[in-house]
PDB file of N, CA and C in Angstrom:
ATOM      1  N   MET A   1     228.526 258.112 199.488  1.00  0.00           N
ATOM      2  CA  MET A   1     228.931 257.570 198.574  1.00  0.00           C
ATOM      3  C   MET A   1     228.491 256.235 198.678  1.00  0.00           C
ATOM      4  N   CYS A   2     228.009 255.506 197.004  1.00  0.00           N
ATOM      5  CA  CYS A   2     227.039 254.689 197.397  1.00  0.00           C
ATOM      6  C   CYS A   2     227.945 253.532 196.382  1.00  0.00           C
ATOM      7  N   SER A   3     228.293 252.142 196.943  1.00  0.00           N
ATOM      8  CA  SER A   3     228.930 251.256 196.122  1.00  0.00           C
ATOM      9  C   SER A   3     228.214 250.169 195.959  1.00  0.00           C
ATOM     10  N   TRP A   4     228.718 248.990 195.342  1.00  0.00           N
ATOM     11  CA  TRP A   4     228.254 247.581 194.623  1.00  0.00           C
ATOM     12  C   TRP A   4     228.324 246.649 195.682  1.00  0.00           C
ATOM     13  N   SER A   5     229.321 246.799 196.956  1.00  0.00           N
ATOM     14  CA  SER A   5     229.986 246.132 197.581  1.00  0.00           C
ATOM     15  C   SER A   5     230.294 246.277 198.922  1.00  0.00           C
ATOM     16  N   ASP A   6     229.674 245.240 200.275  1.00  0.00           N
ATOM     17  CA  ASP A   6     229.959 245.677 201.197  1.00  0.00           C
ATOM     18  C   ASP A   6     231.554 245.902 202.088  1.00  0.00           C
ATOM     19  N   GLU A   7     232.049 245.192 201.157  1.00  0.00           N
ATOM     20  CA  GLU A   7     233.879 245.345 201.167  1.00  0.00           C
ATOM     21  C   GLU A   7     233.900 246.680 200.379  1.00  0.00           C
ATOM     22  N   LYS A   8     233.456 246.690 199.449  1.00  0.00           N
ATOM     23  CA  LYS A   8     234.054 248.568 199.534  1.00  0.00           C
ATOM     24  C   LYS A   8     233.422 249.330 199.862  1.00  0.00           C
ATOM     25  N   CYS A   9     231.993 249.431 200.474  1.00  0.00           N
ATOM     26  CA  CYS A   9     232.186 250.443 201.552  1.00  0.00           C
ATOM     27  C   CYS A   9     232.852 250.100 202.135  1.00  0.00           C
ATOM     28  N   ALA A  10     233.139 248.956 202.916  1.00  0.00           N
ATOM     29  CA  ALA A  10     234.031 249.482 204.450  1.00  0.00           C
ATOM     30  C   ALA A  10     235.178 250.012 203.755  1.00  0.00           C
ATOM     31  N   PHE A  11     236.083 249.686 202.769  1.00  0.00           N
ATOM     32  CA  PHE A  11     237.187 250.415 202.002  1.00  0.00           C
ATOM     33  C   PHE A  11     237.238 251.747 202.388  1.00  0.00           C
ATOM     34  N   LEU A  12     235.762 252.523 201.634  1.00  0.00           N
ATOM     35  CA  LEU A  12     235.587 253.844 201.625  1.00  0.00           C
ATOM     36  C   LEU A  12     235.691 254.494 203.153  1.00  0.00           C
ATOM     37  N   LYS A  13     234.865 253.472 203.773  1.00  0.00           N
ATOM     38  CA  LYS A  13     235.074 254.372 205.257  1.00  0.00           C
ATOM     39  C   LYS A  13     235.809 253.839 206.194  1.00  0.00           C
ATOM     40  N   ASP A  14     236.715 253.391 205.993  1.00  0.00           N
ATOM     41  CA  ASP A  14     237.439 253.015 207.154  1.00  0.00           C
ATOM     42  C   ASP A  14     239.142 253.386 206.764  1.00  0.00           C
ATOM     43  N   THR A  15     239.192 253.054 205.366  1.00  0.00           N
ATOM     44  CA  THR A  15     240.673 253.604 204.876  1.00  0.00           C
ATOM     45  C   THR A  15     240.439 254.792 204.142  1.00  0.00           C
ATOM     46  N   LEU A  16     239.347 255.141 202.960  1.00  0.00           N
ATOM     47  CA  LEU A  16     239.723 256.721 203.195  1.00  0.00           C
ATOM     48  C   LEU A  16     238.546 257.649 203.801  1.00  0.00           C
ATOM     49  N   GLY A  17     238.288 257.238 204.880  1.00  0.00           N
ATOM     50  CA  GLY A  17     237.881 258.017 205.817  1.00  0.00           C
ATOM     51  C   GLY A  17     236.547 258.917 205.622  1.00  0.00           C
ATOM     52  N   LEU A  18     235.647 258.334 204.136  1.00  0.00           N
ATOM     53  CA  LEU A  18     234.292 258.951 204.184  1.00  0.00           C
ATOM     54  C   LEU A  18     232.849 258.745 205.368  1.00  0.00           C
ATOM     55  N   ASP A  19     232.901 259.820 205.807  1.00  0.00           N
ATOM     56  CA  ASP A  19     231.370 259.291 206.443  1.00  0.00           C
ATOM     57  C   ASP A  19     230.228 258.075 206.527  1.00  0.00           C
ATOM     58  N   ALA A  20     230.131 257.715 205.061  1.00  0.00           N
ATOM     59  CA  ALA A  20     229.058 256.892 205.070  1.00  0.00           C
ATOM     60  C   ALA A  20     229.472 256.612 203.870  1.00  0.00           C
ATOM     61  N   ALA A  21     228.925 255.022 203.635  1.00  0.00           N
ATOM     62  CA  ALA A  21     229.042 254.054 202.035  1.00  0.00           C
ATOM     63  C   ALA A  21     228.151 253.594 201.958  1.00  0.00           C
ATOM     64  N   LEU A  22     227.179 253.634 201.053  1.00  0.00           N
ATOM     65  CA  LEU A  22     226.118 252.608 200.927  1.00  0.00           C
ATOM     66  C   LEU A  22     226.181 251.618 200.370  1.00  0.00           C
ATOM     67  N   ASN A  23     225.718 250.427 200.507  1.00  0.00           N
ATOM     68  CA  ASN A  23     225.505 249.320 199.598  1.00  0.00           C
ATOM     69  C   ASN A  23     224.204 249.338 198.906  1.00  0.00           C
ATOM     70  N   TYR A  24     224.564 250.119 197.433  1.00  0.00           N
ATOM     71  CA  TYR A  24     223.102 250.480 196.784  1.00  0.00           C
ATOM     72  C   TYR A  24     222.042 248.928 196.467  1.00  0.00           C
ATOM     73  N   LYS A  25     222.786 248.113 196.415  1.00  0.00           N
ATOM     74  CA  LYS A  25     222.630 246.881 196.634  1.00  0.00           C
ATOM     75  C   LYS A  25     221.440 245.686 197.567  1.00  0.00           C
ATOM     76  N   VAL A  26     221.820 245.913 198.891  1.00  0.00           N
ATOM     77  CA  VAL A  26     220.683 246.190 199.446  1.00  0.00           C
ATOM     78  C   VAL A  26     219.692 246.740 200.106  1.00  0.00           C
ATOM     79  N   GLU A  27     218.883 246.273 200.289  1.00  0.00           N
ATOM     80  CA  GLU A  27     217.006 246.934 200.493  1.00  0.00           C
ATOM     81  C   GLU A  27     217.232 247.947 201.844  1.00  0.00           C
ATOM     82  N   GLY A  28     216.162 249.182 200.875  1.00  0.00           N
ATOM     83  CA  GLY A  28     215.944 249.918 202.341  1.00  0.00           C
ATOM     84  C   GLY A  28     217.085 251.472 201.364  1.00  0.00           C
ATOM     85  N   LEU A  29     217.348 251.637 200.466  1.00  0.00           N
ATOM     86  CA  LEU A  29     218.593 252.295 200.084  1.00  0.00           C
ATOM     87  C   LEU A  29     217.659 253.875 200.199  1.00  0.00           C
ATOM     88  N   ALA A  30     216.917 254.458 199.846  1.00  0.00           N
ATOM     89  CA  ALA A  30     216.428 255.735 200.480  1.00  0.00           C
ATOM     90  C   ALA A  30     216.113 256.017 201.897  1.00  0.00           C
ATOM     91  N   ASP A  31     215.744 255.346 203.000  1.00  0.00           N
ATOM     92  CA  ASP A  31     216.066 254.813 204.266  1.00  0.00           C
ATOM     93  C   ASP A  31     217.395 255.238 204.492  1.00  0.00           C
ATOM     94  N   ARG A  32     218.176 254.400 204.355  1.00  0.00           N
ATOM     95  CA  ARG A  32     219.383 254.561 204.358  1.00  0.00           C
ATOM     96  C   ARG A  32     219.892 255.842 203.807  1.00  0.00           C
ATOM     97  N   LEU A  33     219.676 256.283 202.525  1.00  0.00           N
ATOM     98  CA  LEU A  33     220.524 257.432 202.278  1.00  0.00           C
ATOM     99  C   LEU A  33     219.810 259.013 203.308  1.00  0.00           C
ATOM    100  N   ALA A  34     218.936 258.596 203.368  1.00  0.00           N
ATOM    101  CA  ALA A  34     217.746 259.892 204.186  1.00  0.00           C
ATOM    102  C   ALA A  34     219.298 259.833 205.725  1.00  0.00           C
ATOM    103  N   ALA A  35     219.254 258.618 206.100  1.00  0.00           N
ATOM    104  CA  ALA A  35     219.473 258.856 207.399  1.00  0.00           C
ATOM    105  C   ALA A  35     221.074 259.330 207.436  1.00  0.00           C
ATOM    106  N   ALA A  36     221.406 258.843 206.354  1.00  0.00           N
ATOM    107  CA  ALA A  36     223.402 259.285 206.005  1.00  0.00           C
ATOM    108  C   ALA A  36     223.632 260.672 205.616  1.00  0.00           C
ATOM    109  N   CYS A  37     222.345 261.510 204.947  1.00  0.00           N
ATOM    110  CA  CYS A  37     222.031 262.272 204.535  1.00  0.00           C
ATOM    111  C   CYS A  37     221.232 263.819 204.827  1.00  0.00           C
ATOM    112  N   PRO A  38     221.104 263.746 206.571  1.00  0.00           N
ATOM    113  CA  PRO A  38     220.207 264.853 206.854  1.00  0.00           C
ATOM    114  C   PRO A  38     219.499 265.408 206.672  1.00  0.00           C
ATOM    115  N   ALA A  39     221.286 266.523 206.493  1.00  0.00           N
ATOM    116  CA  ALA A  39     220.785 267.699 205.112  1.00  0.00           C
ATOM    117  C   ALA A  39     220.613 268.147 203.573  1.00  0.00           C
ATOM    118  N   GLY A  40     220.387 266.825 203.640  1.00  0.00           N
ATOM    119  CA  GLY A  40     220.551 266.804 201.905  1.00  0.00           C
ATOM    120  C   GLY A  40     221.683 266.313 201.188  1.00  0.00           C
ATOM    121  N   VAL A  41     220.958 265.906 199.349  1.00  0.00           N
ATOM    122  CA  VAL A  41     222.148 266.030 198.951  1.00  0.00           C
ATOM    123  C   VAL A  41     222.670 266.597 198.281  1.00  0.00           C
ATOM    124  N   HIS A  42     224.110 267.581 198.666  1.00  0.00           N
ATOM    125  CA  HIS A  42     224.258 268.803 197.911  1.00  0.00           C
ATOM    126  C   HIS A  42     225.362 268.386 196.518  1.00  0.00           C
ATOM    127  N   VAL A  43     226.427 267.163 196.473  1.00  0.00           N
ATOM    128  CA  VAL A  43     226.726 267.459 195.187  1.00  0.00           C
ATOM    129  C   VAL A  43     226.407 265.649 194.786  1.00  0.00           C
ATOM    130  N   TYR A  44     226.334 265.241 193.585  1.00  0.00           N
ATOM    131  CA  TYR A  44     226.097 264.321 192.911  1.00  0.00           C
ATOM    132  C   TYR A  44     227.001 264.169 191.347  1.00  0.00           C
ATOM    133  N   PHE A  45     227.266 263.136 191.779  1.00  0.00           N
ATOM    134  CA  PHE A  45     227.752 262.211 190.771  1.00  0.00           C
ATOM    135  C   PHE A  45     227.380 261.151 190.221  1.00  0.00           C
ATOM    136  N   ASP A  46     226.408 261.274 189.407  1.00  0.00           N
ATOM    137  CA  ASP A  46     225.104 260.477 189.178  1.00  0.00           C
ATOM    138  C   ASP A  46     226.250 259.420 187.419  1.00  0.00           C
ATOM    139  N   ASN A  47     226.422 258.204 188.070  1.00  0.00           N
ATOM    140  CA  ASN A  47     227.162 257.332 186.772  1.00  0.00           C
ATOM    141  C   ASN A  47     226.034 256.008 186.722  1.00  0.00           C
ATOM    142  N   VAL A  48     225.101 256.316 187.525  1.00  0.00           N
ATOM    143  CA  VAL A  48     224.342 254.757 187.379  1.00  0.00           C
ATOM    144  C   VAL A  48     222.837 254.888 186.752  1.00  0.00           C
ATOM    145  N   GLY A  49     222.107 255.972 187.275  1.00  0.00           N
ATOM    146  CA  GLY A  49     220.732 256.158 186.558  1.00  0.00           C
ATOM    147  C   GLY A  49     220.029 255.646 187.270  1.00  0.00           C
ATOM    148  N   GLY A  50     218.614 255.734 187.057  1.00  0.00           N
ATOM    149  CA  GLY A  50     217.487 254.318 187.432  1.00  0.00           C
ATOM    150  C   GLY A  50     216.980 254.278 188.951  1.00  0.00           C
ATOM    151  N   ALA A  51     216.842 254.010 189.782  1.00  0.00           N
ATOM    152  CA  ALA A  51     215.938 253.612 190.742  1.00  0.00           C
ATOM    153  C   ALA A  51     217.128 254.445 192.029  1.00  0.00           C
ATOM    154  N   THR A  52     219.158 254.411 191.775  1.00  0.00           N
ATOM    155  CA  THR A  52     219.383 254.913 193.002  1.00  0.00           C
ATOM    156  C   THR A  52     219.472 256.445 192.273  1.00  0.00           C
ATOM    157  N   SER A  53     220.107 256.467 191.802  1.00  0.00           N
ATOM    158  CA  SER A  53     219.176 257.874 191.017  1.00  0.00           C
ATOM    159  C   SER A  53     218.382 258.327 191.387  1.00  0.00           C
ATOM    160  N   ALA A  54     217.407 258.122 191.024  1.00  0.00           N
ATOM    161  CA  ALA A  54     215.827 258.834 191.841  1.00  0.00           C
ATOM    162  C   ALA A  54     215.495 258.961 193.358  1.00  0.00           C
ATOM    163  N   ALA A  55     216.365 257.280 194.095  1.00  0.00           N
ATOM    164  CA  ALA A  55     216.220 258.001 195.068  1.00  0.00           C
ATOM    165  C   ALA A  55     217.255 258.654 195.790  1.00  0.00           C
ATOM    166  N   VAL A  56     218.618 259.074 195.101  1.00  0.00           N
ATOM    167  CA  VAL A  56     219.518 260.188 195.481  1.00  0.00           C
ATOM    168  C   VAL A  56     218.691 261.548 195.449  1.00  0.00           C
ATOM    169  N   LEU A  57     218.329 261.781 194.643  1.00  0.00           N
ATOM    170  CA  LEU A  57     217.397 263.082 193.965  1.00  0.00           C
ATOM    171  C   LEU A  57     216.817 263.968 194.544  1.00  0.00           C
ATOM    172  N   ARG A  58     215.620 262.449 195.585  1.00  0.00           N
ATOM    173  CA  ARG A  58     214.430 262.625 196.245  1.00  0.00           C
ATOM    174  C   ARG A  58     215.000 263.721 197.311  1.00  0.00           C
ATOM    175  N   LEU A  59     216.455 263.403 197.736  1.00  0.00           N
ATOM    176  CA  LEU A  59     216.890 264.115 198.877  1.00  0.00           C
ATOM    177  C   LEU A  59     217.729 265.005 198.482  1.00  0.00           C
ATOM    178  N   ALA A  60     217.734 265.627 197.025  1.00  0.00           N
ATOM    179  CA  ALA A  60     218.247 266.868 197.274  1.00  0.00           C
ATOM    180  C   ALA A  60     217.985 268.021 197.770  1.00  0.00           C
ATOM    181  N   ALA A  61     219.899 268.762 197.925  1.00  0.00           N
ATOM    182  CA  ALA A  61     219.058 270.075 198.765  1.00  0.00           C
ATOM    183  C   ALA A  61     219.210 270.829 197.657  1.00  0.00           C
ATOM    184  N   GLU A  62     218.604 272.286 198.380  1.00  0.00           N
ATOM    185  CA  GLU A  62     218.444 273.622 197.466  1.00  0.00           C
ATOM    186  C   GLU A  62     219.503 273.585 197.154  1.00  0.00           C
ATOM    187  N   GLU A  63     219.213 273.739 195.250  1.00  0.00           N
ATOM    188  CA  GLU A  63     220.080 274.726 194.528  1.00  0.00           C
ATOM    189  C   GLU A  63     221.668 273.512 194.428  1.00  0.00           C
ATOM    190  N   ALA A  64     221.192 272.446 194.578  1.00  0.00           N
ATOM    191  CA  ALA A  64     222.395 270.517 194.752  1.00  0.00           C
ATOM    192  C   ALA A  64     222.650 270.732 192.887  1.00  0.00           C
ATOM    193  N   ARG A  65     224.028 270.415 193.264  1.00  0.00           N
ATOM    194  CA  ARG A  65     224.276 270.264 191.753  1.00  0.00           C
ATOM    195  C   ARG A  65     224.498 268.786 191.456  1.00  0.00           C
ATOM    196  N   VAL A  66     224.421 268.137 190.836  1.00  0.00           N
ATOM    197  CA  VAL A  66     224.407 267.102 189.776  1.00  0.00           C
ATOM    198  C   VAL A  66     225.031 266.781 188.011  1.00  0.00           C
ATOM    199  N   VAL A  67     226.769 265.299 188.722  1.00  0.00           N
ATOM    200  CA  VAL A  67     226.361 265.469 187.104  1.00  0.00           C
ATOM    201  C   VAL A  67     226.273 264.311 186.915  1.00  0.00           C
ATOM    202  N   VAL A  68     225.873 264.234 185.153  1.00  0.00           N
ATOM    203  CA  VAL A  68     225.239 263.053 185.218  1.00  0.00           C
ATOM    204  C   VAL A  68     226.897 262.670 184.140  1.00  0.00           C
ATOM    205  N   CYS A  69     227.049 261.494 184.335  1.00  0.00           N
ATOM    206  CA  CYS A  69     227.845 260.924 183.290  1.00  0.00           C
ATOM    207  C   CYS A  69     227.293 259.112 183.113  1.00  0.00           C
ATOM    208  N   GLY A  70     226.986 259.042 182.278  1.00  0.00           N
ATOM    209  CA  GLY A  70     227.275 257.571 181.896  1.00  0.00           C
ATOM    210  C   GLY A  70     225.560 257.207 182.405  1.00  0.00           C
ATOM    211  N   GLN A  71     225.056 256.343 183.640  1.00  0.00           N
ATOM    212  CA  GLN A  71     223.768 256.339 183.822  1.00  0.00           C
ATOM    213  C   GLN A  71     223.940 254.566 182.717  1.00  0.00           C
ATOM    214  N   ILE A  72     224.514 253.855 183.748  1.00  0.00           N
ATOM    215  CA  ILE A  72     224.610 252.385 183.178  1.00  0.00           C
ATOM    216  C   ILE A  72     222.986 251.655 183.677  1.00  0.00           C
ATOM    217  N   ALA A  73     222.303 252.491 184.256  1.00  0.00           N
ATOM    218  CA  ALA A  73     220.842 251.408 184.143  1.00  0.00           C
ATOM    219  C   ALA A  73     219.760 251.339 183.220  1.00  0.00           C
ATOM    220  N   ASP A  74     220.364 252.748 182.481  1.00  0.00           N
ATOM    221  CA  ASP A  74     220.226 253.103 180.919  1.00  0.00           C
ATOM    222  C   ASP A  74     221.003 252.491 179.868  1.00  0.00           C
ATOM    223  N   TYR A  75     221.493 251.545 180.012  1.00  0.00           N
ATOM    224  CA  TYR A  75     222.576 251.660 178.931  1.00  0.00           C
ATOM    225  C   TYR A  75     221.640 250.158 177.757  1.00  0.00           C
ATOM    226  N   HIS A  76     221.086 249.395 178.284  1.00  0.00           N
ATOM    227  CA  HIS A  76     220.445 249.085 177.267  1.00  0.00           C
ATOM    228  C   HIS A  76     219.526 248.641 177.231  1.00  0.00           C
ATOM    229  N   SER A  77     218.619 250.034 176.986  1.00  0.00           N
ATOM    230  CA  SER A  77     217.493 251.028 176.610  1.00  0.00           C
ATOM    231  C   SER A  77     217.771 250.909 175.374  1.00  0.00           C
ATOM    232  N   ASP A  78     216.490 251.641 174.705  1.00  0.00           N
ATOM    233  CA  ASP A  78     216.211 251.990 173.242  1.00  0.00           C
ATOM    234  C   ASP A  78     216.236 253.167 172.999  1.00  0.00           C
ATOM    235  N   VAL A  79     216.424 253.890 174.307  1.00  0.00           N
ATOM    236  CA  VAL A  79     216.452 255.945 174.421  1.00  0.00           C
ATOM    237  C   VAL A  79     217.728 255.996 174.257  1.00  0.00           C
ATOM    238  N   PRO A  80     217.712 256.715 172.817  1.00  0.00           N
ATOM    239  CA  PRO A  80     219.478 257.783 173.512  1.00  0.00           C
ATOM    240  C   PRO A  80     219.627 258.298 174.214  1.00  0.00           C
ATOM    241  N   TYR A  81     221.169 257.913 174.255  1.00  0.00           N
ATOM    242  CA  TYR A  81     222.321 258.792 175.855  1.00  0.00           C
ATOM    243  C   TYR A  81     221.538 260.288 175.938  1.00  0.00           C
ATOM    244  N   THR A  82     221.559 260.901 174.967  1.00  0.00           N
ATOM    245  CA  THR A  82     221.404 262.224 174.672  1.00  0.00           C
ATOM    246  C   THR A  82     219.592 262.581 175.290  1.00  0.00           C
ATOM    247  N   ASP A  83     218.630 261.755 175.342  1.00  0.00           N
ATOM    248  CA  ASP A  83     217.452 262.042 175.839  1.00  0.00           C
ATOM    249  C   ASP A  83     217.205 261.072 177.891  1.00  0.00           C
ATOM    250  N   LEU A  84     218.438 260.728 178.196  1.00  0.00           N
ATOM    251  CA  LEU A  84     218.904 260.136 179.081  1.00  0.00           C
ATOM    252  C   LEU A  84     218.115 261.030 180.700  1.00  0.00           C
ATOM    253  N   VAL A  85     218.670 262.435 180.353  1.00  0.00           N
ATOM    254  CA  VAL A  85     219.384 263.552 181.557  1.00  0.00           C
ATOM    255  C   VAL A  85     217.872 264.520 181.188  1.00  0.00           C
ATOM    256  N   GLY A  86     217.220 264.369 180.133  1.00  0.00           N
ATOM    257  CA  GLY A  86     215.680 264.935 179.613  1.00  0.00           C
ATOM    258  C   GLY A  86     214.510 265.091 180.592  1.00  0.00           C
ATOM    259  N   PRO A  87     213.280 265.403 180.981  1.00  0.00           N
ATOM    260  CA  PRO A  87     213.242 265.268 182.227  1.00  0.00           C
ATOM    261  C   PRO A  87     211.673 263.999 181.483  1.00  0.00           C
ATOM    262  N   GLY A  88     212.011 262.895 180.645  1.00  0.00           N
ATOM    263  CA  GLY A  88     211.021 262.251 180.627  1.00  0.00           C
ATOM    264  C   GLY A  88     211.796 261.051 180.980  1.00  0.00           C
ATOM    265  N   ARG A  89     212.380 260.620 181.253  1.00  0.00           N
ATOM    266  CA  ARG A  89     213.080 260.500 182.400  1.00  0.00           C
ATOM    267  C   ARG A  89     213.933 259.710 184.114  1.00  0.00           C
ATOM    268  N   LEU A  90     212.663 260.859 184.060  1.00  0.00           N
ATOM    269  CA  LEU A  90     212.672 260.786 185.974  1.00  0.00           C
ATOM    270  C   LEU A  90     211.359 260.911 185.992  1.00  0.00           C
ATOM    271  N   PRO A  91     211.064 259.962 187.069  1.00  0.00           N
ATOM    272  CA  PRO A  91     209.737 259.805 187.434  1.00  0.00           C
ATOM    273  C   PRO A  91     208.967 261.377 188.138  1.00  0.00           C
ATOM    274  N   PRO A  92     207.647 261.366 187.522  1.00  0.00           N
ATOM    275  CA  PRO A  92     207.215 263.018 188.105  1.00  0.00           C
ATOM    276  C   PRO A  92     207.398 263.245 189.496  1.00  0.00           C
ATOM    277  N   ASP A  93     207.896 263.066 190.301  1.00  0.00           N
ATOM    278  CA  ASP A  93     208.333 262.879 191.451  1.00  0.00           C
ATOM    279  C   ASP A  93     209.785 263.833 191.883  1.00  0.00           C
ATOM    280  N   VAL A  94     210.688 263.867 190.960  1.00  0.00           N
ATOM    281  CA  VAL A  94     211.878 263.423 191.377  1.00  0.00           C
ATOM    282  C   VAL A  94     211.846 264.278 190.357  1.00  0.00           C
ATOM    283  N   GLN A  95     211.087 264.826 188.978  1.00  0.00           N
ATOM    284  CA  GLN A  95     211.077 266.016 187.985  1.00  0.00           C
ATOM    285  C   GLN A  95     210.824 267.172 188.797  1.00  0.00           C
ATOM    286  N   ALA A  96     209.603 267.186 189.615  1.00  0.00           N
ATOM    287  CA  ALA A  96     208.905 268.248 191.110  1.00  0.00           C
ATOM    288  C   ALA A  96     210.255 268.491 191.487  1.00  0.00           C
ATOM    289  N   THR A  97     211.116 267.767 192.304  1.00  0.00           N
ATOM    290  CA  THR A  97     211.547 268.016 193.403  1.00  0.00           C
ATOM    291  C   THR A  97     213.040 269.086 193.094  1.00  0.00           C
ATOM    292  N   ILE A  98     213.472 268.114 191.343  1.00  0.00           N
ATOM    293  CA  ILE A  98     214.029 268.889 191.040  1.00  0.00           C
ATOM    294  C   ILE A  98     214.402 270.287 190.761  1.00  0.00           C
ATOM    295  N   SER A  99     212.984 270.255 189.783  1.00  0.00           N
ATOM    296  CA  SER A  99     212.498 272.213 189.541  1.00  0.00           C
ATOM    297  C   SER A  99     212.236 273.341 191.126  1.00  0.00           C
ATOM    298  N   ALA A 100     211.688 272.343 192.116  1.00  0.00           N
ATOM    299  CA  ALA A 100     211.346 273.146 193.301  1.00  0.00           C
ATOM    300  C   ALA A 100     212.554 273.390 193.847  1.00  0.00           C
ATOM    301  N   ARG A 101     213.353 272.588 194.093  1.00  0.00           N
ATOM    302  CA  ARG A 101     215.365 273.251 194.893  1.00  0.00           C
ATOM    303  C   ARG A 101     215.875 273.348 194.118  1.00  0.00           C
ATOM    304  N   ARG A 102     215.240 273.682 192.399  1.00  0.00           N
ATOM    305  CA  ARG A 102     216.388 275.103 191.636  1.00  0.00           C
ATOM    306  C   ARG A 102     218.103 273.708 191.493  1.00  0.00           C
ATOM    307  N   VAL A 103     217.451 272.623 191.686  1.00  0.00           N
ATOM    308  CA  VAL A 103     218.811 271.664 191.146  1.00  0.00           C
ATOM    309  C   VAL A 103     219.561 271.976 189.719  1.00  0.00           C
ATOM    310  N   ASP A 104     220.900 271.585 189.855  1.00  0.00           N
ATOM    311  CA  ASP A 104     221.550 272.129 188.688  1.00  0.00           C
ATOM    312  C   ASP A 104     221.713 271.221 188.198  1.00  0.00           C
ATOM    313  N   ARG A 105     221.261 270.337 187.375  1.00  0.00           N
ATOM    314  CA  ARG A 105     221.522 268.939 187.081  1.00  0.00           C
ATOM    315  C   ARG A 105     222.079 268.358 185.273  1.00  0.00           C
ATOM    316  N   ARG A 106     223.892 268.484 185.058  1.00  0.00           N
ATOM    317  CA  ARG A 106     224.068 268.408 184.313  1.00  0.00           C
ATOM    318  C   ARG A 106     224.738 266.988 183.635  1.00  0.00           C
ATOM    319  N   ARG A 107     224.775 267.174 182.607  1.00  0.00           N
ATOM    320  CA  ARG A 107     225.744 266.131 181.441  1.00  0.00           C
ATOM    321  C   ARG A 107     226.912 266.031 180.586  1.00  0.00           C
ATOM    322  N   TYR A 108     227.883 265.212 181.006  1.00  0.00           N
ATOM    323  CA  TYR A 108     228.776 265.371 179.960  1.00  0.00           C
ATOM    324  C   TYR A 108     228.670 264.176 179.339  1.00  0.00           C
ATOM    325  N   LEU A 109     229.749 264.513 178.227  1.00  0.00           N
ATOM    326  CA  LEU A 109     229.754 263.682 176.801  1.00  0.00           C
ATOM    327  C   LEU A 109     231.747 263.384 177.090  1.00  0.00           C
ATOM    328  N   VAL A 110     232.384 261.857 177.204  1.00  0.00           N
ATOM    329  CA  VAL A 110     233.949 261.816 176.975  1.00  0.00           C
ATOM    330  C   VAL A 110     233.553 261.673 176.021  1.00  0.00           C
TER     331      VAL A 110
END
């Protein structure tokens, strides 16, 4: 689980019992994610987008499942929401990872 504050991360781990909770605003997210997910990421609820999602998707396990809802990092862009989950919105290495590992990445609108 990624969160925006150390306090929320502590709550997630100490109160709710999560194995790991990472503050995505602290440097070194990719390295901390890799340490927390040595077998890769199997399920990811993506409501952030941007660099955080790219870091998670680079660690996707074979046939991982990704639910895309929102992507706040792109809220103020000029790109329509329907284009945010297309291949043009991901770095080329992330696109390659998704394809090679057969990641199922789907979006939903509410």
